[in-house]
PDB file of N, CA and C in Angstrom:
ATOM      1  N   MET A   1      39.899   4.345 -30.785  1.00  0.00           N
ATOM      2  CA  MET A   1      39.985   3.144 -30.293  1.00  0.00           C
ATOM      3  C   MET A   1      39.136   3.202 -28.973  1.00  0.00           C
ATOM      4  N   LYS A   2      38.610   1.947 -29.099  1.00  0.00           N
ATOM      5  CA  LYS A   2      37.419   2.186 -28.303  1.00  0.00           C
ATOM      6  C   LYS A   2      38.029   1.407 -26.695  1.00  0.00           C
ATOM      7  N   GLN A   3      37.601   1.784 -25.590  1.00  0.00           N
ATOM      8  CA  GLN A   3      38.411   1.930 -24.390  1.00  0.00           C
ATOM      9  C   GLN A   3      37.601   0.487 -23.816  1.00  0.00           C
ATOM     10  N   ALA A   4      38.524  -0.338 -23.417  1.00  0.00           N
ATOM     11  CA  ALA A   4      38.382  -1.927 -22.529  1.00  0.00           C
ATOM     12  C   ALA A   4      37.411  -1.433 -21.355  1.00  0.00           C
ATOM     13  N   LEU A   5      36.444  -2.331 -20.816  1.00  0.00           N
ATOM     14  CA  LEU A   5      35.799  -2.239 -19.956  1.00  0.00           C
ATOM     15  C   LEU A   5      36.823  -2.353 -18.414  1.00  0.00           C
ATOM     16  N   THR A   6      37.851  -2.899 -18.492  1.00  0.00           N
ATOM     17  CA  THR A   6      38.943  -2.446 -17.081  1.00  0.00           C
ATOM     18  C   THR A   6      39.277  -1.307 -17.193  1.00  0.00           C
ATOM     19  N   GLU A   7      39.154  -0.516 -17.980  1.00  0.00           N
ATOM     20  CA  GLU A   7      39.937   0.872 -17.797  1.00  0.00           C
ATOM     21  C   GLU A   7      39.092   1.666 -16.890  1.00  0.00           C
ATOM     22  N   ILE A   8      37.721   1.256 -16.812  1.00  0.00           N
ATOM     23  CA  ILE A   8      36.958   2.026 -15.615  1.00  0.00           C
ATOM     24  C   ILE A   8      37.216   1.721 -14.342  1.00  0.00           C
ATOM     25  N   PRO A   9      37.722   2.786 -13.511  1.00  0.00           N
ATOM     26  CA  PRO A   9      38.020   2.773 -12.110  1.00  0.00           C
ATOM     27  C   PRO A   9      37.017   1.796 -11.223  1.00  0.00           C
ATOM     28  N   GLY A  10      37.655   0.816 -10.605  1.00  0.00           N
ATOM     29  CA  GLY A  10      36.741  -0.156  -9.859  1.00  0.00           C
ATOM     30  C   GLY A  10      36.211  -1.523 -10.946  1.00  0.00           C
ATOM     31  N   VAL A  11      36.260  -1.860 -12.049  1.00  0.00           N
ATOM     32  CA  VAL A  11      36.050  -2.556 -12.696  1.00  0.00           C
ATOM     33  C   VAL A  11      37.251  -3.458 -13.167  1.00  0.00           C
ATOM     34  N   GLY A  12      37.292  -4.742 -12.713  1.00  0.00           N
ATOM     35  CA  GLY A  12      38.409  -5.880 -12.849  1.00  0.00           C
ATOM     36  C   GLY A  12      37.750  -6.732 -13.669  1.00  0.00           C
ATOM     37  N   PRO A  13      38.573  -7.730 -14.108  1.00  0.00           N
ATOM     38  CA  PRO A  13      37.977  -8.889 -14.721  1.00  0.00           C
ATOM     39  C   PRO A  13      36.554  -9.478 -14.577  1.00  0.00           C
ATOM     40  N   SER A  14      36.198 -10.210 -13.119  1.00  0.00           N
ATOM     41  CA  SER A  14      34.977 -10.242 -12.794  1.00  0.00           C
ATOM     42  C   SER A  14      33.950  -9.173 -13.724  1.00  0.00           C
ATOM     43  N   ILE A  15      33.711  -8.339 -12.910  1.00  0.00           N
ATOM     44  CA  ILE A  15      32.860  -7.274 -13.462  1.00  0.00           C
ATOM     45  C   ILE A  15      32.893  -7.188 -14.894  1.00  0.00           C
ATOM     46  N   SER A  16      34.179  -7.012 -15.358  1.00  0.00           N
ATOM     47  CA  SER A  16      34.113  -6.852 -16.831  1.00  0.00           C
ATOM     48  C   SER A  16      33.322  -7.951 -17.719  1.00  0.00           C
ATOM     49  N   SER A  17      33.243  -9.142 -16.988  1.00  0.00           N
ATOM     50  CA  SER A  17      32.967 -10.607 -17.599  1.00  0.00           C
ATOM     51  C   SER A  17      31.150 -10.324 -17.555  1.00  0.00           C
ATOM     52  N   ASP A  18      30.772  -9.538 -16.096  1.00  0.00           N
ATOM     53  CA  ASP A  18      29.581  -9.242 -15.973  1.00  0.00           C
ATOM     54  C   ASP A  18      29.102  -8.434 -16.856  1.00  0.00           C
ATOM     55  N   LEU A  19      29.556  -7.579 -17.052  1.00  0.00           N
ATOM     56  CA  LEU A  19      29.187  -6.413 -18.216  1.00  0.00           C
ATOM     57  C   LEU A  19      28.958  -7.118 -19.632  1.00  0.00           C
ATOM     58  N   ARG A  20      30.204  -7.587 -19.792  1.00  0.00           N
ATOM     59  CA  ARG A  20      30.113  -8.288 -21.230  1.00  0.00           C
ATOM     60  C   ARG A  20      29.035  -9.156 -21.425  1.00  0.00           C
ATOM     61  N   ASP A  21      28.357 -10.195 -20.252  1.00  0.00           N
ATOM     62  CA  ASP A  21      27.296 -11.191 -19.992  1.00  0.00           C
ATOM     63  C   ASP A  21      25.951 -10.450 -20.237  1.00  0.00           C
ATOM     64  N   LEU A  22      26.187  -9.010 -20.321  1.00  0.00           N
ATOM     65  CA  LEU A  22      25.127  -8.005 -20.248  1.00  0.00           C
ATOM     66  C   LEU A  22      24.745  -7.593 -21.587  1.00  0.00           C
ATOM     67  N   GLY A  23      25.802  -7.697 -22.166  1.00  0.00           N
ATOM     68  CA  GLY A  23      25.730  -7.100 -23.740  1.00  0.00           C
ATOM     69  C   GLY A  23      26.631  -5.641 -23.779  1.00  0.00           C
ATOM     70  N   PHE A  24      27.608  -5.407 -22.724  1.00  0.00           N
ATOM     71  CA  PHE A  24      28.366  -4.226 -23.050  1.00  0.00           C
ATOM     72  C   PHE A  24      29.928  -4.534 -23.154  1.00  0.00           C
ATOM     73  N   HIS A  25      30.675  -4.105 -24.384  1.00  0.00           N
ATOM     74  CA  HIS A  25      31.739  -4.839 -24.811  1.00  0.00           C
ATOM     75  C   HIS A  25      32.933  -3.354 -24.770  1.00  0.00           C
ATOM     76  N   THR A  26      32.246  -2.055 -24.331  1.00  0.00           N
ATOM     77  CA  THR A  26      33.625  -0.921 -24.265  1.00  0.00           C
ATOM     78  C   THR A  26      32.608  -0.031 -23.397  1.00  0.00           C
ATOM     79  N   VAL A  27      33.492   0.604 -23.169  1.00  0.00           N
ATOM     80  CA  VAL A  27      33.059   1.984 -22.581  1.00  0.00           C
ATOM     81  C   VAL A  27      31.828   2.453 -22.725  1.00  0.00           C
ATOM     82  N   ALA A  28      32.041   2.977 -23.990  1.00  0.00           N
ATOM     83  CA  ALA A  28      31.004   3.801 -24.924  1.00  0.00           C
ATOM     84  C   ALA A  28      29.581   2.942 -24.741  1.00  0.00           C
ATOM     85  N   ASP A  29      29.782   1.507 -24.825  1.00  0.00           N
ATOM     86  CA  ASP A  29      28.398   0.783 -24.723  1.00  0.00           C
ATOM     87  C   ASP A  29      27.544   1.463 -23.242  1.00  0.00           C
ATOM     88  N   LEU A  30      28.200   1.769 -22.134  1.00  0.00           N
ATOM     89  CA  LEU A  30      27.608   2.118 -21.355  1.00  0.00           C
ATOM     90  C   LEU A  30      26.733   3.014 -21.059  1.00  0.00           C
ATOM     91  N   ARG A  31      27.105   4.248 -21.589  1.00  0.00           N
ATOM     92  CA  ARG A  31      26.950   5.827 -21.723  1.00  0.00           C
ATOM     93  C   ARG A  31      25.237   5.764 -21.614  1.00  0.00           C
ATOM     94  N   GLY A  32      24.800   6.317 -21.128  1.00  0.00           N
ATOM     95  CA  GLY A  32      23.211   6.610 -21.162  1.00  0.00           C
ATOM     96  C   GLY A  32      22.591   5.464 -20.407  1.00  0.00           C
ATOM     97  N   GLN A  33      23.009   4.604 -19.808  1.00  0.00           N
ATOM     98  CA  GLN A  33      22.558   3.193 -19.728  1.00  0.00           C
ATOM     99  C   GLN A  33      21.828   3.603 -17.859  1.00  0.00           C
ATOM    100  N   ASP A  34      21.136   2.416 -17.677  1.00  0.00           N
ATOM    101  CA  ASP A  34      20.632   2.821 -15.881  1.00  0.00           C
ATOM    102  C   ASP A  34      21.178   1.383 -15.286  1.00  0.00           C
ATOM    103  N   PRO A  35      21.947   2.071 -14.546  1.00  0.00           N
ATOM    104  CA  PRO A  35      22.497   0.899 -13.329  1.00  0.00           C
ATOM    105  C   PRO A  35      21.810   0.044 -12.923  1.00  0.00           C
ATOM    106  N   GLU A  36      20.660   0.752 -12.367  1.00  0.00           N
ATOM    107  CA  GLU A  36      19.879  -0.235 -11.548  1.00  0.00           C
ATOM    108  C   GLU A  36      19.258  -1.400 -12.061  1.00  0.00           C
ATOM    109  N   GLN A  37      19.155  -0.917 -13.292  1.00  0.00           N
ATOM    110  CA  GLN A  37      17.995  -1.974 -14.508  1.00  0.00           C
ATOM    111  C   GLN A  37      19.197  -3.247 -14.771  1.00  0.00           C
ATOM    112  N   MET A  38      20.506  -2.337 -14.783  1.00  0.00           N
ATOM    113  CA  MET A  38      21.977  -3.617 -15.409  1.00  0.00           C
ATOM    114  C   MET A  38      21.883  -4.398 -14.062  1.00  0.00           C
ATOM    115  N   TYR A  39      21.752  -4.254 -12.907  1.00  0.00           N
ATOM    116  CA  TYR A  39      21.887  -4.555 -11.636  1.00  0.00           C
ATOM    117  C   TYR A  39      20.660  -5.661 -11.716  1.00  0.00           C
ATOM    118  N   ARG A  40      19.496  -5.529 -11.945  1.00  0.00           N
ATOM    119  CA  ARG A  40      18.546  -6.277 -11.875  1.00  0.00           C
ATOM    120  C   ARG A  40      18.615  -7.297 -13.057  1.00  0.00           C
ATOM    121  N   ASP A  41      19.166  -6.831 -13.921  1.00  0.00           N
ATOM    122  CA  ASP A  41      19.220  -7.631 -15.226  1.00  0.00           C
ATOM    123  C   ASP A  41      20.513  -8.702 -15.072  1.00  0.00           C
ATOM    124  N   LEU A  42      21.225  -8.318 -13.824  1.00  0.00           N
ATOM    125  CA  LEU A  42      22.491  -9.442 -13.751  1.00  0.00           C
ATOM    126  C   LEU A  42      21.926 -10.362 -12.796  1.00  0.00           C
ATOM    127  N   ILE A  43      20.972  -9.650 -11.958  1.00  0.00           N
ATOM    128  CA  ILE A  43      20.846 -11.083 -10.517  1.00  0.00           C
ATOM    129  C   ILE A  43      19.754 -11.837 -11.652  1.00  0.00           C
ATOM    130  N   GLU A  44      18.929 -11.260 -12.945  1.00  0.00           N
ATOM    131  CA  GLU A  44      18.240 -12.476 -12.908  1.00  0.00           C
ATOM    132  C   GLU A  44      19.255 -13.190 -13.987  1.00  0.00           C
ATOM    133  N   LEU A  45      19.878 -12.763 -14.972  1.00  0.00           N
ATOM    134  CA  LEU A  45      20.920 -13.580 -15.709  1.00  0.00           C
ATOM    135  C   LEU A  45      21.563 -14.777 -14.825  1.00  0.00           C
ATOM    136  N   ARG A  46      22.147 -14.205 -13.715  1.00  0.00           N
ATOM    137  CA  ARG A  46      22.525 -15.202 -12.715  1.00  0.00           C
ATOM    138  C   ARG A  46      21.884 -16.054 -11.830  1.00  0.00           C
ATOM    139  N   GLY A  47      20.490 -15.707 -11.836  1.00  0.00           N
ATOM    140  CA  GLY A  47      19.665 -16.620 -10.764  1.00  0.00           C
ATOM    141  C   GLY A  47      20.275 -16.644  -9.626  1.00  0.00           C
ATOM    142  N   SER A  48      20.516 -15.912  -8.878  1.00  0.00           N
ATOM    143  CA  SER A  48      21.054 -15.735  -7.320  1.00  0.00           C
ATOM    144  C   SER A  48      21.115 -14.238  -7.147  1.00  0.00           C
ATOM    145  N   ARG A  49      21.678 -14.228  -5.750  1.00  0.00           N
ATOM    146  CA  ARG A  49      21.611 -12.861  -5.269  1.00  0.00           C
ATOM    147  C   ARG A  49      22.900 -12.387  -5.438  1.00  0.00           C
ATOM    148  N   ILE A  50      23.106 -11.165  -5.965  1.00  0.00           N
ATOM    149  CA  ILE A  50      24.531 -10.456  -6.287  1.00  0.00           C
ATOM    150  C   ILE A  50      24.653  -9.236  -5.265  1.00  0.00           C
ATOM    151  N   ASP A  51      26.178  -9.182  -4.800  1.00  0.00           N
ATOM    152  CA  ASP A  51      26.345  -8.536  -3.739  1.00  0.00           C
ATOM    153  C   ASP A  51      26.010  -6.770  -4.290  1.00  0.00           C
ATOM    154  N   ARG A  52      25.141  -6.241  -3.498  1.00  0.00           N
ATOM    155  CA  ARG A  52      25.056  -4.306  -3.710  1.00  0.00           C
ATOM    156  C   ARG A  52      26.062  -3.921  -4.403  1.00  0.00           C
ATOM    157  N   CYS A  53      27.010  -4.230  -3.665  1.00  0.00           N
ATOM    158  CA  CYS A  53      29.000  -3.744  -4.099  1.00  0.00           C
ATOM    159  C   CYS A  53      28.450  -3.384  -5.961  1.00  0.00           C
ATOM    160  N   VAL A  54      27.942  -4.559  -6.616  1.00  0.00           N
ATOM    161  CA  VAL A  54      28.274  -4.469  -7.835  1.00  0.00           C
ATOM    162  C   VAL A  54      27.207  -3.300  -8.456  1.00  0.00           C
ATOM    163  N   LEU A  55      26.045  -3.147  -7.871  1.00  0.00           N
ATOM    164  CA  LEU A  55      25.281  -1.854  -8.387  1.00  0.00           C
ATOM    165  C   LEU A  55      26.327  -0.699  -8.409  1.00  0.00           C
ATOM    166  N   TYR A  56      26.948  -0.392  -7.201  1.00  0.00           N
ATOM    167  CA  TYR A  56      27.563   0.582  -6.840  1.00  0.00           C
ATOM    168  C   TYR A  56      28.904   1.231  -8.368  1.00  0.00           C
ATOM    169  N   VAL A  57      29.131  -0.332  -8.746  1.00  0.00           N
ATOM    170  CA  VAL A  57      30.279  -0.160  -9.202  1.00  0.00           C
ATOM    171  C   VAL A  57      29.906   0.238 -10.733  1.00  0.00           C
ATOM    172  N   PHE A  58      28.224  -0.386 -11.086  1.00  0.00           N
ATOM    173  CA  PHE A  58      27.314  -0.221 -12.181  1.00  0.00           C
ATOM    174  C   PHE A  58      27.478   1.349 -12.342  1.00  0.00           C
ATOM    175  N   ARG A  59      27.164   2.115 -11.287  1.00  0.00           N
ATOM    176  CA  ARG A  59      26.893   3.356 -11.155  1.00  0.00           C
ATOM    177  C   ARG A  59      27.892   4.127 -11.511  1.00  0.00           C
ATOM    178  N   CYS A  60      29.186   3.778 -10.710  1.00  0.00           N
ATOM    179  CA  CYS A  60      30.815   4.624 -11.341  1.00  0.00           C
ATOM    180  C   CYS A  60      30.581   4.220 -12.763  1.00  0.00           C
ATOM    181  N   ALA A  61      30.306   3.158 -13.326  1.00  0.00           N
ATOM    182  CA  ALA A  61      30.925   2.626 -14.348  1.00  0.00           C
ATOM    183  C   ALA A  61      30.119   3.716 -15.544  1.00  0.00           C
ATOM    184  N   VAL A  62      29.024   3.654 -15.697  1.00  0.00           N
ATOM    185  CA  VAL A  62      27.988   4.669 -16.333  1.00  0.00           C
ATOM    186  C   VAL A  62      28.408   6.317 -16.235  1.00  0.00           C
ATOM    187  N   TYR A  63      28.551   6.574 -15.024  1.00  0.00           N
ATOM    188  CA  TYR A  63      29.264   8.187 -14.868  1.00  0.00           C
ATOM    189  C   TYR A  63      30.326   8.015 -15.548  1.00  0.00           C
ATOM    190  N   PHE A  64      31.330   6.844 -15.066  1.00  0.00           N
ATOM    191  CA  PHE A  64      32.443   6.973 -16.208  1.00  0.00           C
ATOM    192  C   PHE A  64      32.392   7.295 -17.482  1.00  0.00           C
ATOM    193  N   ALA A  65      31.672   6.603 -17.805  1.00  0.00           N
ATOM    194  CA  ALA A  65      31.147   6.630 -19.628  1.00  0.00           C
ATOM    195  C   ALA A  65      30.550   8.175 -20.047  1.00  0.00           C
ATOM    196  N   GLY A  66      29.841   8.702 -19.283  1.00  0.00           N
ATOM    197  CA  GLY A  66      29.313   9.359 -19.782  1.00  0.00           C
ATOM    198  C   GLY A  66      30.217  10.634 -19.419  1.00  0.00           C
ATOM    199  N   GLU A  67      31.055  10.918 -18.781  1.00  0.00           N
ATOM    200  CA  GLU A  67      31.488  12.078 -18.681  1.00  0.00           C
ATOM    201  C   GLU A  67      32.929  12.096 -19.492  1.00  0.00           C
ATOM    202  N   SER A  68      33.250  13.418 -19.929  1.00  0.00           N
ATOM    203  CA  SER A  68      34.506  13.866 -20.389  1.00  0.00           C
ATOM    204  C   SER A  68      35.359  13.888 -19.310  1.00  0.00           C
ATOM    205  N   ASP A  69      35.164  14.531 -18.217  1.00  0.00           N
ATOM    206  CA  ASP A  69      36.198  15.194 -17.456  1.00  0.00           C
ATOM    207  C   ASP A  69      35.567  14.822 -16.011  1.00  0.00           C
ATOM    208  N   PRO A  70      35.404  13.682 -15.551  1.00  0.00           N
ATOM    209  CA  PRO A  70      34.783  13.168 -14.134  1.00  0.00           C
ATOM    210  C   PRO A  70      35.307  13.802 -13.204  1.00  0.00           C
ATOM    211  N   GLU A  71      34.495  13.714 -12.174  1.00  0.00           N
ATOM    212  CA  GLU A  71      35.162  14.510 -10.806  1.00  0.00           C
ATOM    213  C   GLU A  71      36.022  13.192 -10.247  1.00  0.00           C
ATOM    214  N   PRO A  72      37.628  13.380  -9.771  1.00  0.00           N
ATOM    215  CA  PRO A  72      38.049  11.562  -9.053  1.00  0.00           C
ATOM    216  C   PRO A  72      37.218  11.363  -8.266  1.00  0.00           C
ATOM    217  N   GLU A  73      36.642  12.062  -7.044  1.00  0.00           N
ATOM    218  CA  GLU A  73      36.305  11.431  -6.236  1.00  0.00           C
ATOM    219  C   GLU A  73      34.537  10.801  -6.495  1.00  0.00           C
ATOM    220  N   LEU A  74      34.366  10.925  -7.885  1.00  0.00           N
ATOM    221  CA  LEU A  74      33.044  10.064  -8.159  1.00  0.00           C
ATOM    222  C   LEU A  74      33.487   8.812  -8.892  1.00  0.00           C
ATOM    223  N   LEU A  75      34.948   8.756  -9.237  1.00  0.00           N
ATOM    224  CA  LEU A  75      35.197   7.379  -9.649  1.00  0.00           C
ATOM    225  C   LEU A  75      35.802   6.351  -8.802  1.00  0.00           C
ATOM    226  N   LYS A  76      35.524   6.677  -7.466  1.00  0.00           N
ATOM    227  CA  LYS A  76      35.804   5.677  -6.433  1.00  0.00           C
ATOM    228  C   LYS A  76      34.227   4.796  -6.440  1.00  0.00           C
ATOM    229  N   TRP A  77      33.949   3.964  -6.685  1.00  0.00           N
ATOM    230  CA  TRP A  77      32.961   2.942  -6.773  1.00  0.00           C
ATOM    231  C   TRP A  77      32.204   3.210  -5.177  1.00  0.00           C
ATOM    232  N   TRP A  78      32.536   3.277  -4.231  1.00  0.00           N
ATOM    233  CA  TRP A  78      32.384   3.338  -2.771  1.00  0.00           C
ATOM    234  C   TRP A  78      31.484   4.615  -2.693  1.00  0.00           C
ATOM    235  N   ASN A  79      32.085   5.427  -3.585  1.00  0.00           N
ATOM    236  CA  ASN A  79      31.038   6.642  -3.418  1.00  0.00           C
ATOM    237  C   ASN A  79      29.492   6.884  -3.745  1.00  0.00           C
ATOM    238  N   TRP A  80      29.196   5.907  -4.275  1.00  0.00           N
ATOM    239  CA  TRP A  80      27.818   5.707  -5.181  1.00  0.00           C
ATOM    240  C   TRP A  80      27.107   4.720  -4.175  1.00  0.00           C
ATOM    241  N   LYS A  81      27.355   4.386  -3.197  1.00  0.00           N
ATOM    242  CA  LYS A  81      26.644   3.577  -2.227  1.00  0.00           C
ATOM    243  C   LYS A  81      25.481   4.477  -2.262  1.00  0.00           C
ATOM    244  N   ASP A  82      24.150   3.635  -1.658  1.00  0.00           N
ATOM    245  CA  ASP A  82      22.835   3.944  -1.165  1.00  0.00           C
ATOM    246  C   ASP A  82      23.148   4.756   0.064  1.00  0.00           C
ATOM    247  N   GLN A  83      22.486   6.287  -0.137  1.00  0.00           N
ATOM    248  CA  GLN A  83      22.356   7.370   0.866  1.00  0.00           C
ATOM    249  C   GLN A  83      21.182   7.857   1.036  1.00  0.00           C
ATOM    250  N   GLY A  84      21.076   8.827   1.516  1.00  0.00           N
ATOM    251  CA  GLY A  84      19.729   9.905   1.489  1.00  0.00           C
ATOM    252  C   GLY A  84      19.814  10.263   0.266  1.00  0.00           C
ATOM    253  N   THR A  85      21.121  10.833  -0.415  1.00  0.00           N
ATOM    254  CA  THR A  85      21.411  11.517  -1.746  1.00  0.00           C
ATOM    255  C   THR A  85      22.370  10.565  -2.117  1.00  0.00           C
ATOM    256  N   GLN A  86      22.240  10.072  -3.732  1.00  0.00           N
ATOM    257  CA  GLN A  86      23.021   9.304  -4.259  1.00  0.00           C
ATOM    258  C   GLN A  86      23.944  10.313  -5.010  1.00  0.00           C
ATOM    259  N   ALA A  87      25.058   9.604  -5.401  1.00  0.00           N
ATOM    260  CA  ALA A  87      26.279  11.026  -5.768  1.00  0.00           C
ATOM    261  C   ALA A  87      25.897  11.095  -7.246  1.00  0.00           C
ATOM    262  N   GLY A  88      26.124  12.366  -7.702  1.00  0.00           N
ATOM    263  CA  GLY A  88      25.654  12.180  -9.269  1.00  0.00           C
ATOM    264  C   GLY A  88      24.316  12.412  -9.797  1.00  0.00           C
ATOM    265  N   SER A  89      23.498  12.648  -8.302  1.00  0.00           N
ATOM    266  CA  SER A  89      22.134  13.292  -8.460  1.00  0.00           C
ATOM    267  C   SER A  89      21.759  14.635  -8.140  1.00  0.00           C
TER     268      SER A  89
END
C-alpha cells in the first residue's frame, strides 16, 4: 500500500497539493529527490515567492521518505532550517 503524502510529518493539505503539482503523489515518489530543486521548481511553477518554510518541509519529507527508521527530532520540519550545518548532512 502506498503512503499518502499527508502521512509525512509536517505535510498537510496545502503542502500535499504543492507536492502533487510537482509530480509527487506518494511518499515513495520523494525518495532520493533534491529538496532545494523541488523548492526552486515550485517557485517557478507558482510564479511567485514561496515561504522558505516550504523548503524545510521538503527537506523533512525527503528525509522521511528515504529512512526506514527516522530519528524523531528530524521529523520536525523546523529542525531542517538553514543553519551553519544542515540536519541530515
